[in-house]
């Protein structure tokens, strides 16, 4: 009887929109014959309502936006600031670049620890950015778990392996939740509103993080977002499970699929970019490492981030393909040039 009284009190505290949203989802699942999902939703809702701090969580948002990468997350939060959306939308940011580094069992403490250790060992971390990354990832995983049955979910993606890996990862984590889920592809949105036949790089934007807050807000206001079909959701969830079992370190986006490839996949292009810079400069003198890394980022179609490219550049130095001078503990402290036999 005490539990029933607690439920009554908790239900009375619900706002009208939250009760209506929950009722709609239950009726929708019933129409689709998803009896198991109805039972799961009811159990989740009961657990949620009995939490002492549920009032704060319920009033948080109607729609939860899931974004990959700090830049995209910051822009989307800025987009909603000082707008009516500020009261109805919340943003969960999964940090880092999920196209590189280990993702095996990333949803577990062991998997996250392994990814953090790998990044700490192979990437330069002068300012403890990786420590912040780990804490933010732990926070994001908890926020995903805390999503409530009445909340709508929008997952922001782009045409790159980082965000598409993130999409599959998140769908796997949400597989037991019956919430309605929509995918918002910023590449498609950009070309729907701004497509310019004269644009040099038809693969722009390579990531959602390359777009500013004004553009993201315009997309959200003007473009419709279709509900993700159950069959597609299940398929991507299965792909996410496969990725979480993989030992690969590099993922690329090709033919609308995430592919795990050898970690030396970009090495040839690093060498090609170095040759091009030497030719531009009409010299084979040393060049700043950030200059070469920037050249590569500016011309590559895949999105991997400068940390990964710098990691591979150091590997090529170890292989004797590049010479260097300076200190390798940070990219701004050393210069490189191709050895004569590789020019």
C-alpha atoms as a PDB file:
ATOM      1  CA  UNK A   1       0.000   0.000   0.000  1.00  0.00           C
ATOM      2  CA  UNK A   2       2.887   2.346   0.738  1.00  0.00           C
ATOM      3  CA  UNK A   3       4.217   1.869  -2.816  1.00  0.00           C
ATOM      4  CA  UNK A   4       0.788   2.598  -4.327  1.00  0.00           C
ATOM      5  CA  UNK A   5       0.535   5.811  -2.308  1.00  0.00           C
ATOM      6  CA  UNK A   6       4.024   6.842  -3.445  1.00  0.00           C
ATOM      7  CA  UNK A   7       3.044   6.226  -7.065  1.00  0.00           C
ATOM      8  CA  UNK A   8      -0.098   8.344  -6.651  1.00  0.00           C
ATOM      9  CA  UNK A   9       1.935  11.228  -5.255  1.00  0.00           C
ATOM     10  CA  UNK A  10       4.553  10.923  -8.007  1.00  0.00           C
ATOM     11  CA  UNK A  11       1.915  10.822 -10.781  1.00  0.00           C
ATOM     12  CA  UNK A  12       0.230  13.918  -9.354  1.00  0.00           C
ATOM     13  CA  UNK A  13       3.533  15.765  -9.734  1.00  0.00           C
ATOM     14  CA  UNK A  14       3.784  14.946 -13.446  1.00  0.00           C
ATOM     15  CA  UNK A  15       3.224  17.799 -15.851  1.00  0.00           C
ATOM     16  CA  UNK A  16       0.379  17.363 -18.354  1.00  0.00           C
ATOM     17  CA  UNK A  17       2.720  17.130 -21.364  1.00  0.00           C
ATOM     18  CA  UNK A  18       4.743  14.350 -19.697  1.00  0.00           C
ATOM     19  CA  UNK A  19       1.654  12.279 -18.885  1.00  0.00           C
ATOM     20  CA  UNK A  20       0.311  12.750 -22.429  1.00  0.00           C
ATOM     21  CA  UNK A  21       3.640  11.753 -23.996  1.00  0.00           C
ATOM     22  CA  UNK A  22       3.831   8.597 -21.895  1.00  0.00           C
ATOM     23  CA  UNK A  23       0.233   7.655 -22.701  1.00  0.00           C
ATOM     24  CA  UNK A  24       0.859   8.181 -26.428  1.00  0.00           C
ATOM     25  CA  UNK A  25       3.931   5.918 -26.384  1.00  0.00           C
ATOM     26  CA  UNK A  26       2.024   3.185 -24.579  1.00  0.00           C
ATOM     27  CA  UNK A  27      -0.849   3.348 -27.082  1.00  0.00           C
ATOM     28  CA  UNK A  28       1.615   3.378 -29.995  1.00  0.00           C
ATOM     29  CA  UNK A  29       3.341   0.237 -28.712  1.00  0.00           C
ATOM     30  CA  UNK A  30      -0.064  -1.383 -28.217  1.00  0.00           C
ATOM     31  CA  UNK A  31      -1.088  -0.596 -31.822  1.00  0.00           C
ATOM     32  CA  UNK A  32       2.144  -2.190 -33.042  1.00  0.00           C
ATOM     33  CA  UNK A  33       1.540  -5.256 -30.880  1.00  0.00           C
ATOM     34  CA  UNK A  34       4.696  -4.756 -28.832  1.00  0.00           C
ATOM     35  CA  UNK A  35       3.366  -6.236 -25.595  1.00  0.00           C
ATOM     36  CA  UNK A  36       6.840  -6.883 -24.253  1.00  0.00           C
ATOM     37  CA  UNK A  37       7.848  -3.255 -24.790  1.00  0.00           C
ATOM     38  CA  UNK A  38       4.702  -2.060 -22.991  1.00  0.00           C
ATOM     39  CA  UNK A  39       5.588  -4.167 -19.966  1.00  0.00           C
ATOM     40  CA  UNK A  40       9.165  -2.866 -20.049  1.00  0.00           C
ATOM     41  CA  UNK A  41       7.993   0.748 -20.310  1.00  0.00           C
ATOM     42  CA  UNK A  42       5.605   0.327 -17.387  1.00  0.00           C
ATOM     43  CA  UNK A  43       8.323  -1.185 -15.193  1.00  0.00           C
ATOM     44  CA  UNK A  44      10.809   1.544 -16.163  1.00  0.00           C
ATOM     45  CA  UNK A  45       8.216   4.234 -15.478  1.00  0.00           C
ATOM     46  CA  UNK A  46       7.385   2.776 -12.079  1.00  0.00           C
ATOM     47  CA  UNK A  47      11.071   2.687 -11.117  1.00  0.00           C
ATOM     48  CA  UNK A  48      11.505   6.230 -12.366  1.00  0.00           C
ATOM     49  CA  UNK A  49       8.476   7.605 -10.511  1.00  0.00           C
ATOM     50  CA  UNK A  50       9.590   6.076  -7.219  1.00  0.00           C
ATOM     51  CA  UNK A  51      12.966   7.819  -7.364  1.00  0.00           C
ATOM     52  CA  UNK A  52      13.132  10.638  -4.849  1.00  0.00           C
ATOM     53  CA  UNK A  53      14.729  13.004  -7.374  1.00  0.00           C
ATOM     54  CA  UNK A  54      12.374  12.254 -10.265  1.00  0.00           C
ATOM     55  CA  UNK A  55      10.757  15.691 -10.285  1.00  0.00           C
ATOM     56  CA  UNK A  56      13.984  17.404 -11.338  1.00  0.00           C
ATOM     57  CA  UNK A  57      14.636  14.788 -14.038  1.00  0.00           C
ATOM     58  CA  UNK A  58      11.098  14.932 -15.453  1.00  0.00           C
ATOM     59  CA  UNK A  59      11.113  18.704 -15.739  1.00  0.00           C
ATOM     60  CA  UNK A  60      14.445  18.589 -17.548  1.00  0.00           C
ATOM     61  CA  UNK A  61      13.269  18.192 -21.144  1.00  0.00           C
ATOM     62  CA  UNK A  62      10.735  16.871 -23.605  1.00  0.00           C
ATOM     63  CA  UNK A  63      13.413  15.937 -26.153  1.00  0.00           C
ATOM     64  CA  UNK A  64      16.896  14.560 -25.552  1.00  0.00           C
ATOM     65  CA  UNK A  65      19.480  15.342 -28.222  1.00  0.00           C
ATOM     66  CA  UNK A  66      22.507  13.063 -28.520  1.00  0.00           C
ATOM     67  CA  UNK A  67      25.581  14.544 -30.185  1.00  0.00           C
ATOM     68  CA  UNK A  68      29.073  13.206 -30.879  1.00  0.00           C
ATOM     69  CA  UNK A  69      32.097  15.405 -30.209  1.00  0.00           C
ATOM     70  CA  UNK A  70      32.604  18.412 -27.972  1.00  0.00           C
ATOM     71  CA  UNK A  71      32.485  20.941 -30.805  1.00  0.00           C
ATOM     72  CA  UNK A  72      29.100  19.774 -32.106  1.00  0.00           C
ATOM     73  CA  UNK A  73      27.782  19.503 -28.559  1.00  0.00           C
ATOM     74  CA  UNK A  74      28.845  23.031 -27.682  1.00  0.00           C
ATOM     75  CA  UNK A  75      27.316  24.435 -30.865  1.00  0.00           C
ATOM     76  CA  UNK A  76      23.984  22.680 -30.316  1.00  0.00           C
ATOM     77  CA  UNK A  77      23.769  23.880 -26.707  1.00  0.00           C
ATOM     78  CA  UNK A  78      24.535  27.394 -27.913  1.00  0.00           C
ATOM     79  CA  UNK A  79      21.865  27.042 -30.615  1.00  0.00           C
ATOM     80  CA  UNK A  80      19.155  26.351 -28.036  1.00  0.00           C
ATOM     81  CA  UNK A  81      20.310  29.044 -25.609  1.00  0.00           C
ATOM     82  CA  UNK A  82      17.971  32.020 -25.207  1.00  0.00           C
ATOM     83  CA  UNK A  83      15.338  30.335 -27.376  1.00  0.00           C
ATOM     84  CA  UNK A  84      12.096  28.549 -26.380  1.00  0.00           C
ATOM     85  CA  UNK A  85      13.997  25.288 -26.929  1.00  0.00           C
ATOM     86  CA  UNK A  86      16.095  26.017 -23.846  1.00  0.00           C
ATOM     87  CA  UNK A  87      13.217  24.809 -21.646  1.00  0.00           C
ATOM     88  CA  UNK A  88      12.213  21.786 -23.716  1.00  0.00           C
ATOM     89  CA  UNK A  89      15.473  20.346 -25.092  1.00  0.00           C
ATOM     90  CA  UNK A  90      18.511  18.819 -23.374  1.00  0.00           C
ATOM     91  CA  UNK A  91      21.791  17.728 -24.946  1.00  0.00           C
ATOM     92  CA  UNK A  92      23.919  14.672 -24.185  1.00  0.00           C
ATOM     93  CA  UNK A  93      27.434  14.908 -25.596  1.00  0.00           C
ATOM     94  CA  UNK A  94      29.547  11.796 -26.187  1.00  0.00           C
ATOM     95  CA  UNK A  95      33.066  13.233 -26.311  1.00  0.00           C
ATOM     96  CA  UNK A  96      36.020  12.359 -28.488  1.00  0.00           C
ATOM     97  CA  UNK A  97      36.306  10.868 -31.958  1.00  0.00           C
ATOM     98  CA  UNK A  98      34.823   7.369 -32.045  1.00  0.00           C
ATOM     99  CA  UNK A  99      36.331   6.513 -35.431  1.00  0.00           C
ATOM    100  CA  UNK A 100      39.739   6.030 -33.799  1.00  0.00           C
ATOM    101  CA  UNK A 101      41.015   4.046 -30.835  1.00  0.00           C
ATOM    102  CA  UNK A 102      39.521   0.953 -29.200  1.00  0.00           C
ATOM    103  CA  UNK A 103      35.742   0.798 -28.677  1.00  0.00           C
ATOM    104  CA  UNK A 104      35.495  -2.809 -27.545  1.00  0.00           C
ATOM    105  CA  UNK A 105      33.009  -3.061 -24.648  1.00  0.00           C
ATOM    106  CA  UNK A 106      33.039   0.745 -24.395  1.00  0.00           C
ATOM    107  CA  UNK A 107      29.728   0.651 -22.530  1.00  0.00           C
ATOM    108  CA  UNK A 108      31.432  -1.144 -19.609  1.00  0.00           C
ATOM    109  CA  UNK A 109      33.876   0.182 -17.025  1.00  0.00           C
ATOM    110  CA  UNK A 110      36.559  -2.176 -18.297  1.00  0.00           C
ATOM    111  CA  UNK A 111      36.045  -1.097 -21.903  1.00  0.00           C
ATOM    112  CA  UNK A 112      36.124   2.610 -21.068  1.00  0.00           C
ATOM    113  CA  UNK A 113      39.252   2.110 -18.938  1.00  0.00           C
ATOM    114  CA  UNK A 114      40.949   0.261 -21.820  1.00  0.00           C
ATOM    115  CA  UNK A 115      40.083   3.020 -24.289  1.00  0.00           C
ATOM    116  CA  UNK A 116      41.334   5.688 -21.884  1.00  0.00           C
ATOM    117  CA  UNK A 117      44.613   3.821 -21.280  1.00  0.00           C
ATOM    118  CA  UNK A 118      45.166   3.367 -25.013  1.00  0.00           C
ATOM    119  CA  UNK A 119      44.549   7.050 -25.754  1.00  0.00           C
ATOM    120  CA  UNK A 120      46.753   8.067 -22.831  1.00  0.00           C
ATOM    121  CA  UNK A 121      49.595   5.896 -24.115  1.00  0.00           C
ATOM    122  CA  UNK A 122      49.398   6.834 -27.813  1.00  0.00           C
ATOM    123  CA  UNK A 123      48.036  10.398 -27.914  1.00  0.00           C
ATOM    124  CA  UNK A 124      49.733  13.493 -26.511  1.00  0.00           C
ATOM    125  CA  UNK A 125      47.915  14.836 -23.439  1.00  0.00           C
ATOM    126  CA  UNK A 126      49.619  17.998 -22.215  1.00  0.00           C
ATOM    127  CA  UNK A 127      46.626  19.458 -20.378  1.00  0.00           C
ATOM    128  CA  UNK A 128      44.901  16.337 -19.004  1.00  0.00           C
ATOM    129  CA  UNK A 129      42.280  16.578 -21.739  1.00  0.00           C
ATOM    130  CA  UNK A 130      41.959  12.794 -21.687  1.00  0.00           C
ATOM    131  CA  UNK A 131      41.084  12.816 -17.992  1.00  0.00           C
ATOM    132  CA  UNK A 132      38.277  15.252 -18.784  1.00  0.00           C
ATOM    133  CA  UNK A 133      37.283  13.063 -21.726  1.00  0.00           C
ATOM    134  CA  UNK A 134      36.916  10.008 -19.513  1.00  0.00           C
ATOM    135  CA  UNK A 135      34.796  11.828 -16.935  1.00  0.00           C
ATOM    136  CA  UNK A 136      32.573  13.289 -19.647  1.00  0.00           C
ATOM    137  CA  UNK A 137      32.106   9.882 -21.264  1.00  0.00           C
ATOM    138  CA  UNK A 138      31.110   8.380 -17.913  1.00  0.00           C
ATOM    139  CA  UNK A 139      28.626  11.231 -17.469  1.00  0.00           C
ATOM    140  CA  UNK A 140      27.178  10.721 -20.957  1.00  0.00           C
ATOM    141  CA  UNK A 141      26.729   6.977 -20.441  1.00  0.00           C
ATOM    142  CA  UNK A 142      24.855   7.648 -17.201  1.00  0.00           C
ATOM    143  CA  UNK A 143      22.676  10.257 -18.908  1.00  0.00           C
ATOM    144  CA  UNK A 144      21.780   7.751 -21.634  1.00  0.00           C
ATOM    145  CA  UNK A 145      20.749   5.251 -18.980  1.00  0.00           C
ATOM    146  CA  UNK A 146      18.618   7.904 -17.255  1.00  0.00           C
ATOM    147  CA  UNK A 147      16.554   8.779 -20.334  1.00  0.00           C
ATOM    148  CA  UNK A 148      12.895   8.453 -19.372  1.00  0.00           C
ATOM    149  CA  UNK A 149      10.123   6.679 -21.332  1.00  0.00           C
ATOM    150  CA  UNK A 150       8.225   9.868 -22.194  1.00  0.00           C
ATOM    151  CA  UNK A 151      11.230  11.669 -23.683  1.00  0.00           C
ATOM    152  CA  UNK A 152      11.763  11.875 -27.434  1.00  0.00           C
ATOM    153  CA  UNK A 153      15.293  11.204 -28.688  1.00  0.00           C
ATOM    154  CA  UNK A 154      17.101  12.921 -31.575  1.00  0.00           C
ATOM    155  CA  UNK A 155      20.535  11.578 -32.554  1.00  0.00           C
ATOM    156  CA  UNK A 156      22.645  14.023 -34.596  1.00  0.00           C
ATOM    157  CA  UNK A 157      24.996  12.440 -37.132  1.00  0.00           C
ATOM    158  CA  UNK A 158      27.016  13.249 -40.228  1.00  0.00           C
ATOM    159  CA  UNK A 159      28.621  11.280 -43.061  1.00  0.00           C
ATOM    160  CA  UNK A 160      31.687  10.120 -41.151  1.00  0.00           C
ATOM    161  CA  UNK A 161      32.796   7.047 -39.245  1.00  0.00           C
ATOM    162  CA  UNK A 162      33.021   8.847 -35.887  1.00  0.00           C
ATOM    163  CA  UNK A 163      29.380   9.904 -35.714  1.00  0.00           C
ATOM    164  CA  UNK A 164      28.072   6.811 -37.504  1.00  0.00           C
ATOM    165  CA  UNK A 165      29.945   4.610 -35.021  1.00  0.00           C
ATOM    166  CA  UNK A 166      28.398   6.729 -32.276  1.00  0.00           C
ATOM    167  CA  UNK A 167      24.926   6.266 -33.749  1.00  0.00           C
ATOM    168  CA  UNK A 168      25.275   2.487 -33.708  1.00  0.00           C
ATOM    169  CA  UNK A 169      26.817   2.497 -30.237  1.00  0.00           C
ATOM    170  CA  UNK A 170      23.990   4.598 -28.792  1.00  0.00           C
ATOM    171  CA  UNK A 171      21.262   2.541 -30.472  1.00  0.00           C
ATOM    172  CA  UNK A 172      22.769  -0.563 -28.907  1.00  0.00           C
ATOM    173  CA  UNK A 173      22.685   1.094 -25.480  1.00  0.00           C
ATOM    174  CA  UNK A 174      19.063   2.178 -26.030  1.00  0.00           C
ATOM    175  CA  UNK A 175      17.882  -1.183 -27.353  1.00  0.00           C
ATOM    176  CA  UNK A 176      15.694  -1.862 -24.294  1.00  0.00           C
ATOM    177  CA  UNK A 177      14.058   1.579 -24.384  1.00  0.00           C
ATOM    178  CA  UNK A 178      10.798   2.084 -26.267  1.00  0.00           C
ATOM    179  CA  UNK A 179      11.255   5.828 -26.801  1.00  0.00           C
ATOM    180  CA  UNK A 180      10.698   7.243 -30.263  1.00  0.00           C
ATOM    181  CA  UNK A 181      14.077   7.878 -31.913  1.00  0.00           C
ATOM    182  CA  UNK A 182      14.924  10.148 -34.814  1.00  0.00           C
ATOM    183  CA  UNK A 183      18.228  10.628 -36.655  1.00  0.00           C
ATOM    184  CA  UNK A 184      19.192  14.102 -37.851  1.00  0.00           C
ATOM    185  CA  UNK A 185      21.948  13.938 -40.483  1.00  0.00           C
ATOM    186  CA  UNK A 186      23.695  17.321 -40.684  1.00  0.00           C
ATOM    187  CA  UNK A 187      25.367  16.539 -44.015  1.00  0.00           C
ATOM    188  CA  UNK A 188      21.992  15.906 -45.657  1.00  0.00           C
ATOM    189  CA  UNK A 189      20.486  18.917 -43.875  1.00  0.00           C
ATOM    190  CA  UNK A 190      23.279  21.205 -45.070  1.00  0.00           C
ATOM    191  CA  UNK A 191      22.914  20.131 -48.692  1.00  0.00           C
ATOM    192  CA  UNK A 192      19.141  20.384 -48.520  1.00  0.00           C
ATOM    193  CA  UNK A 193      19.299  24.028 -47.468  1.00  0.00           C
ATOM    194  CA  UNK A 194      22.620  25.309 -48.818  1.00  0.00           C
ATOM    195  CA  UNK A 195      23.645  23.061 -51.691  1.00  0.00           C
ATOM    196  CA  UNK A 196      25.867  24.955 -54.116  1.00  0.00           C
ATOM    197  CA  UNK A 197      26.909  23.239 -57.373  1.00  0.00           C
ATOM    198  CA  UNK A 198      30.035  25.411 -57.458  1.00  0.00           C
ATOM    199  CA  UNK A 199      31.203  24.234 -54.041  1.00  0.00           C
ATOM    200  CA  UNK A 200      34.666  22.732 -54.318  1.00  0.00           C
ATOM    201  CA  UNK A 201      34.378  20.056 -51.650  1.00  0.00           C
ATOM    202  CA  UNK A 202      31.115  18.208 -52.084  1.00  0.00           C
ATOM    203  CA  UNK A 203      31.833  16.173 -48.941  1.00  0.00           C
ATOM    204  CA  UNK A 204      31.490  19.264 -46.700  1.00  0.00           C
ATOM    205  CA  UNK A 205      30.593  19.227 -43.866  1.00  0.00           C
ATOM    206  CA  UNK A 206      32.726  16.274 -42.835  1.00  0.00           C
ATOM    207  CA  UNK A 207      31.428  16.450 -39.279  1.00  0.00           C
ATOM    208  CA  UNK A 208      28.633  18.145 -37.347  1.00  0.00           C
ATOM    209  CA  UNK A 209      31.332  19.990 -35.416  1.00  0.00           C
ATOM    210  CA  UNK A 210      32.215  21.996 -38.545  1.00  0.00           C
ATOM    211  CA  UNK A 211      28.795  23.692 -38.438  1.00  0.00           C
ATOM    212  CA  UNK A 212      27.979  26.677 -36.229  1.00  0.00           C
ATOM    213  CA  UNK A 213      25.119  27.187 -33.792  1.00  0.00           C
ATOM    214  CA  UNK A 214      23.104  29.328 -36.217  1.00  0.00           C
ATOM    215  CA  UNK A 215      23.196  26.620 -38.890  1.00  0.00           C
ATOM    216  CA  UNK A 216      22.183  23.863 -36.465  1.00  0.00           C
ATOM    217  CA  UNK A 217      19.290  25.930 -35.140  1.00  0.00           C
ATOM    218  CA  UNK A 218      18.151  26.672 -38.691  1.00  0.00           C
ATOM    219  CA  UNK A 219      18.214  22.951 -39.521  1.00  0.00           C
ATOM    220  CA  UNK A 220      16.172  22.079 -36.453  1.00  0.00           C
ATOM    221  CA  UNK A 221      13.596  24.818 -37.072  1.00  0.00           C
ATOM    222  CA  UNK A 222      13.076  24.319 -40.788  1.00  0.00           C
ATOM    223  CA  UNK A 223      13.627  20.642 -41.580  1.00  0.00           C
ATOM    224  CA  UNK A 224      11.436  17.714 -40.636  1.00  0.00           C
ATOM    225  CA  UNK A 225      12.949  14.686 -38.924  1.00  0.00           C
ATOM    226  CA  UNK A 226      11.457  11.310 -39.673  1.00  0.00           C
ATOM    227  CA  UNK A 227      10.969   8.668 -37.015  1.00  0.00           C
ATOM    228  CA  UNK A 228      13.551   5.889 -37.341  1.00  0.00           C
ATOM    229  CA  UNK A 229      11.866   2.731 -38.568  1.00  0.00           C
ATOM    230  CA  UNK A 230      12.046  -0.223 -36.208  1.00  0.00           C
ATOM    231  CA  UNK A 231      13.739  -2.457 -38.799  1.00  0.00           C
ATOM    232  CA  UNK A 232      16.528   0.083 -39.388  1.00  0.00           C
ATOM    233  CA  UNK A 233      16.907   0.689 -35.673  1.00  0.00           C
ATOM    234  CA  UNK A 234      17.346  -3.039 -35.030  1.00  0.00           C
ATOM    235  CA  UNK A 235      19.827  -3.374 -37.898  1.00  0.00           C
ATOM    236  CA  UNK A 236      22.002  -0.488 -36.674  1.00  0.00           C
ATOM    237  CA  UNK A 237      21.771  -1.833 -33.124  1.00  0.00           C
ATOM    238  CA  UNK A 238      23.177  -5.154 -34.354  1.00  0.00           C
ATOM    239  CA  UNK A 239      26.000  -3.309 -36.120  1.00  0.00           C
ATOM    240  CA  UNK A 240      26.701  -1.470 -32.880  1.00  0.00           C
ATOM    241  CA  UNK A 241      26.960  -4.745 -30.998  1.00  0.00           C
ATOM    242  CA  UNK A 242      29.459  -5.990 -33.598  1.00  0.00           C
ATOM    243  CA  UNK A 243      31.559  -2.825 -33.249  1.00  0.00           C
ATOM    244  CA  UNK A 244      31.593  -3.230 -29.473  1.00  0.00           C
ATOM    245  CA  UNK A 245      33.076  -6.706 -29.957  1.00  0.00           C
ATOM    246  CA  UNK A 246      35.774  -5.549 -32.390  1.00  0.00           C
ATOM    247  CA  UNK A 247      39.438  -5.089 -31.533  1.00  0.00           C
ATOM    248  CA  UNK A 248      40.014  -2.628 -34.394  1.00  0.00           C
ATOM    249  CA  UNK A 249      41.578   0.800 -33.872  1.00  0.00           C
ATOM    250  CA  UNK A 250      40.447   2.644 -37.012  1.00  0.00           C
ATOM    251  CA  UNK A 251      37.024   2.874 -38.616  1.00  0.00           C
ATOM    252  CA  UNK A 252      36.167   4.545 -41.928  1.00  0.00           C
ATOM    253  CA  UNK A 253      32.882   5.517 -43.576  1.00  0.00           C
ATOM    254  CA  UNK A 254      32.514   4.051 -47.059  1.00  0.00           C
ATOM    255  CA  UNK A 255      29.453   3.109 -49.139  1.00  0.00           C
ATOM    256  CA  UNK A 256      27.176   4.161 -46.267  1.00  0.00           C
ATOM    257  CA  UNK A 257      28.781   1.640 -43.931  1.00  0.00           C
ATOM    258  CA  UNK A 258      31.249   1.744 -41.042  1.00  0.00           C
ATOM    259  CA  UNK A 259      34.280  -0.407 -41.908  1.00  0.00           C
ATOM    260  CA  UNK A 260      37.047  -1.413 -39.509  1.00  0.00           C
ATOM    261  CA  UNK A 261      40.379  -1.110 -41.337  1.00  0.00           C
ATOM    262  CA  UNK A 262      44.071  -1.476 -40.620  1.00  0.00           C
ATOM    263  CA  UNK A 263      45.466   1.359 -38.514  1.00  0.00           C
ATOM    264  CA  UNK A 264      48.024   2.190 -41.233  1.00  0.00           C
ATOM    265  CA  UNK A 265      45.183   2.975 -43.662  1.00  0.00           C
ATOM    266  CA  UNK A 266      46.023   6.720 -43.780  1.00  0.00           C
ATOM    267  CA  UNK A 267      49.837   6.391 -43.807  1.00  0.00           C
ATOM    268  CA  UNK A 268      50.166   6.544 -47.595  1.00  0.00           C
ATOM    269  CA  UNK A 269      48.166   9.766 -47.662  1.00  0.00           C
ATOM    270  CA  UNK A 270      50.413  11.336 -45.007  1.00  0.00           C
ATOM    271  CA  UNK A 271      53.404  10.604 -47.236  1.00  0.00           C
ATOM    272  CA  UNK A 272      51.540  11.969 -50.275  1.00  0.00           C
ATOM    273  CA  UNK A 273      50.733  15.224 -48.444  1.00  0.00           C
ATOM    274  CA  UNK A 274      54.372  15.604 -47.373  1.00  0.00           C
ATOM    275  CA  UNK A 275      55.520  15.182 -50.974  1.00  0.00           C
ATOM    276  CA  UNK A 276      53.013  17.807 -52.085  1.00  0.00           C
ATOM    277  CA  UNK A 277      54.226  20.292 -49.459  1.00  0.00           C
ATOM    278  CA  UNK A 278      57.875  19.705 -50.398  1.00  0.00           C
ATOM    279  CA  UNK A 279      56.926  20.373 -54.022  1.00  0.00           C
ATOM    280  CA  UNK A 280      55.042  23.558 -53.113  1.00  0.00           C
ATOM    281  CA  UNK A 281      57.962  24.812 -51.084  1.00  0.00           C
ATOM    282  CA  UNK A 282      60.427  23.774 -53.804  1.00  0.00           C
ATOM    283  CA  UNK A 283      62.617  22.474 -51.032  1.00  0.00           C
ATOM    284  CA  UNK A 284      63.068  19.386 -48.931  1.00  0.00           C
ATOM    285  CA  UNK A 285      63.780  21.228 -45.711  1.00  0.00           C
ATOM    286  CA  UNK A 286      62.050  20.466 -42.406  1.00  0.00           C
ATOM    287  CA  UNK A 287      58.446  21.606 -42.018  1.00  0.00           C
ATOM    288  CA  UNK A 288      56.445  22.129 -38.840  1.00  0.00           C
ATOM    289  CA  UNK A 289      54.508  18.989 -37.883  1.00  0.00           C
ATOM    290  CA  UNK A 290      51.228  20.949 -37.497  1.00  0.00           C
ATOM    291  CA  UNK A 291      51.697  22.256 -41.065  1.00  0.00           C
ATOM    292  CA  UNK A 292      51.764  18.720 -42.469  1.00  0.00           C
ATOM    293  CA  UNK A 293      48.891  17.576 -40.227  1.00  0.00           C
ATOM    294  CA  UNK A 294      46.807  20.583 -41.281  1.00  0.00           C
ATOM    295  CA  UNK A 295      47.508  19.855 -44.947  1.00  0.00           C
ATOM    296  CA  UNK A 296      46.253  16.333 -44.520  1.00  0.00           C
ATOM    297  CA  UNK A 297      43.119  17.332 -42.601  1.00  0.00           C
ATOM    298  CA  UNK A 298      42.322  19.893 -45.285  1.00  0.00           C
ATOM    299  CA  UNK A 299      42.357  17.326 -48.078  1.00  0.00           C
ATOM    300  CA  UNK A 300      41.170  14.045 -46.593  1.00  0.00           C
ATOM    301  CA  UNK A 301      37.583  12.878 -46.885  1.00  0.00           C
ATOM    302  CA  UNK A 302      37.611  10.769 -43.722  1.00  0.00           C
ATOM    303  CA  UNK A 303      37.257  12.382 -40.304  1.00  0.00           C
ATOM    304  CA  UNK A 304      39.775  11.109 -37.777  1.00  0.00           C
ATOM    305  CA  UNK A 305      41.049  14.190 -35.926  1.00  0.00           C
ATOM    306  CA  UNK A 306      44.535  15.643 -35.631  1.00  0.00           C
ATOM    307  CA  UNK A 307      45.523  13.444 -32.669  1.00  0.00           C
ATOM    308  CA  UNK A 308      45.245  10.292 -34.769  1.00  0.00           C
ATOM    309  CA  UNK A 309      47.210  11.770 -37.678  1.00  0.00           C
ATOM    310  CA  UNK A 310      49.967  12.930 -35.329  1.00  0.00           C
ATOM    311  CA  UNK A 311      50.062   9.461 -33.789  1.00  0.00           C
ATOM    312  CA  UNK A 312      50.537   7.912 -37.245  1.00  0.00           C
ATOM    313  CA  UNK A 313      53.155  10.527 -38.156  1.00  0.00           C
ATOM    314  CA  UNK A 314      55.221   9.502 -35.144  1.00  0.00           C
ATOM    315  CA  UNK A 315      54.817   5.890 -36.222  1.00  0.00           C
ATOM    316  CA  UNK A 316      56.202   6.779 -39.667  1.00  0.00           C
ATOM    317  CA  UNK A 317      59.135   8.485 -37.958  1.00  0.00           C
ATOM    318  CA  UNK A 318      59.789   5.250 -36.044  1.00  0.00           C
ATOM    319  CA  UNK A 319      59.673   3.353 -39.354  1.00  0.00           C
ATOM    320  CA  UNK A 320      62.374   5.606 -40.798  1.00  0.00           C
ATOM    321  CA  UNK A 321      60.152   7.180 -43.467  1.00  0.00           C
ATOM    322  CA  UNK A 322      60.354  10.674 -41.944  1.00  0.00           C
ATOM    323  CA  UNK A 323      63.226  12.475 -40.267  1.00  0.00           C
ATOM    324  CA  UNK A 324      62.489  14.848 -37.414  1.00  0.00           C
ATOM    325  CA  UNK A 325      64.148  17.444 -35.280  1.00  0.00           C
ATOM    326  CA  UNK A 326      62.899  18.843 -32.011  1.00  0.00           C
ATOM    327  CA  UNK A 327      60.965  17.123 -29.204  1.00  0.00           C
ATOM    328  CA  UNK A 328      58.219  14.590 -29.957  1.00  0.00           C
ATOM    329  CA  UNK A 329      56.235  15.120 -26.761  1.00  0.00           C
ATOM    330  CA  UNK A 330      53.961  17.663 -28.503  1.00  0.00           C
ATOM    331  CA  UNK A 331      53.342  18.276 -32.200  1.00  0.00           C
ATOM    332  CA  UNK A 332      54.215  21.965 -32.017  1.00  0.00           C
ATOM    333  CA  UNK A 333      57.706  21.144 -30.755  1.00  0.00           C
ATOM    334  CA  UNK A 334      59.029  19.205 -33.727  1.00  0.00           C
ATOM    335  CA  UNK A 335      59.529  19.419 -37.480  1.00  0.00           C
ATOM    336  CA  UNK A 336      59.605  16.667 -40.083  1.00  0.00           C
ATOM    337  CA  UNK A 337      60.690  15.943 -43.619  1.00  0.00           C
ATOM    338  CA  UNK A 338      60.573  12.886 -45.820  1.00  0.00           C
ATOM    339  CA  UNK A 339      63.785  10.937 -46.038  1.00  0.00           C
ATOM    340  CA  UNK A 340      65.427  11.179 -49.441  1.00  0.00           C
ATOM    341  CA  UNK A 341      64.469   7.638 -50.435  1.00  0.00           C
ATOM    342  CA  UNK A 342      60.739   8.479 -49.970  1.00  0.00           C
ATOM    343  CA  UNK A 343      60.598  11.819 -51.796  1.00  0.00           C
END
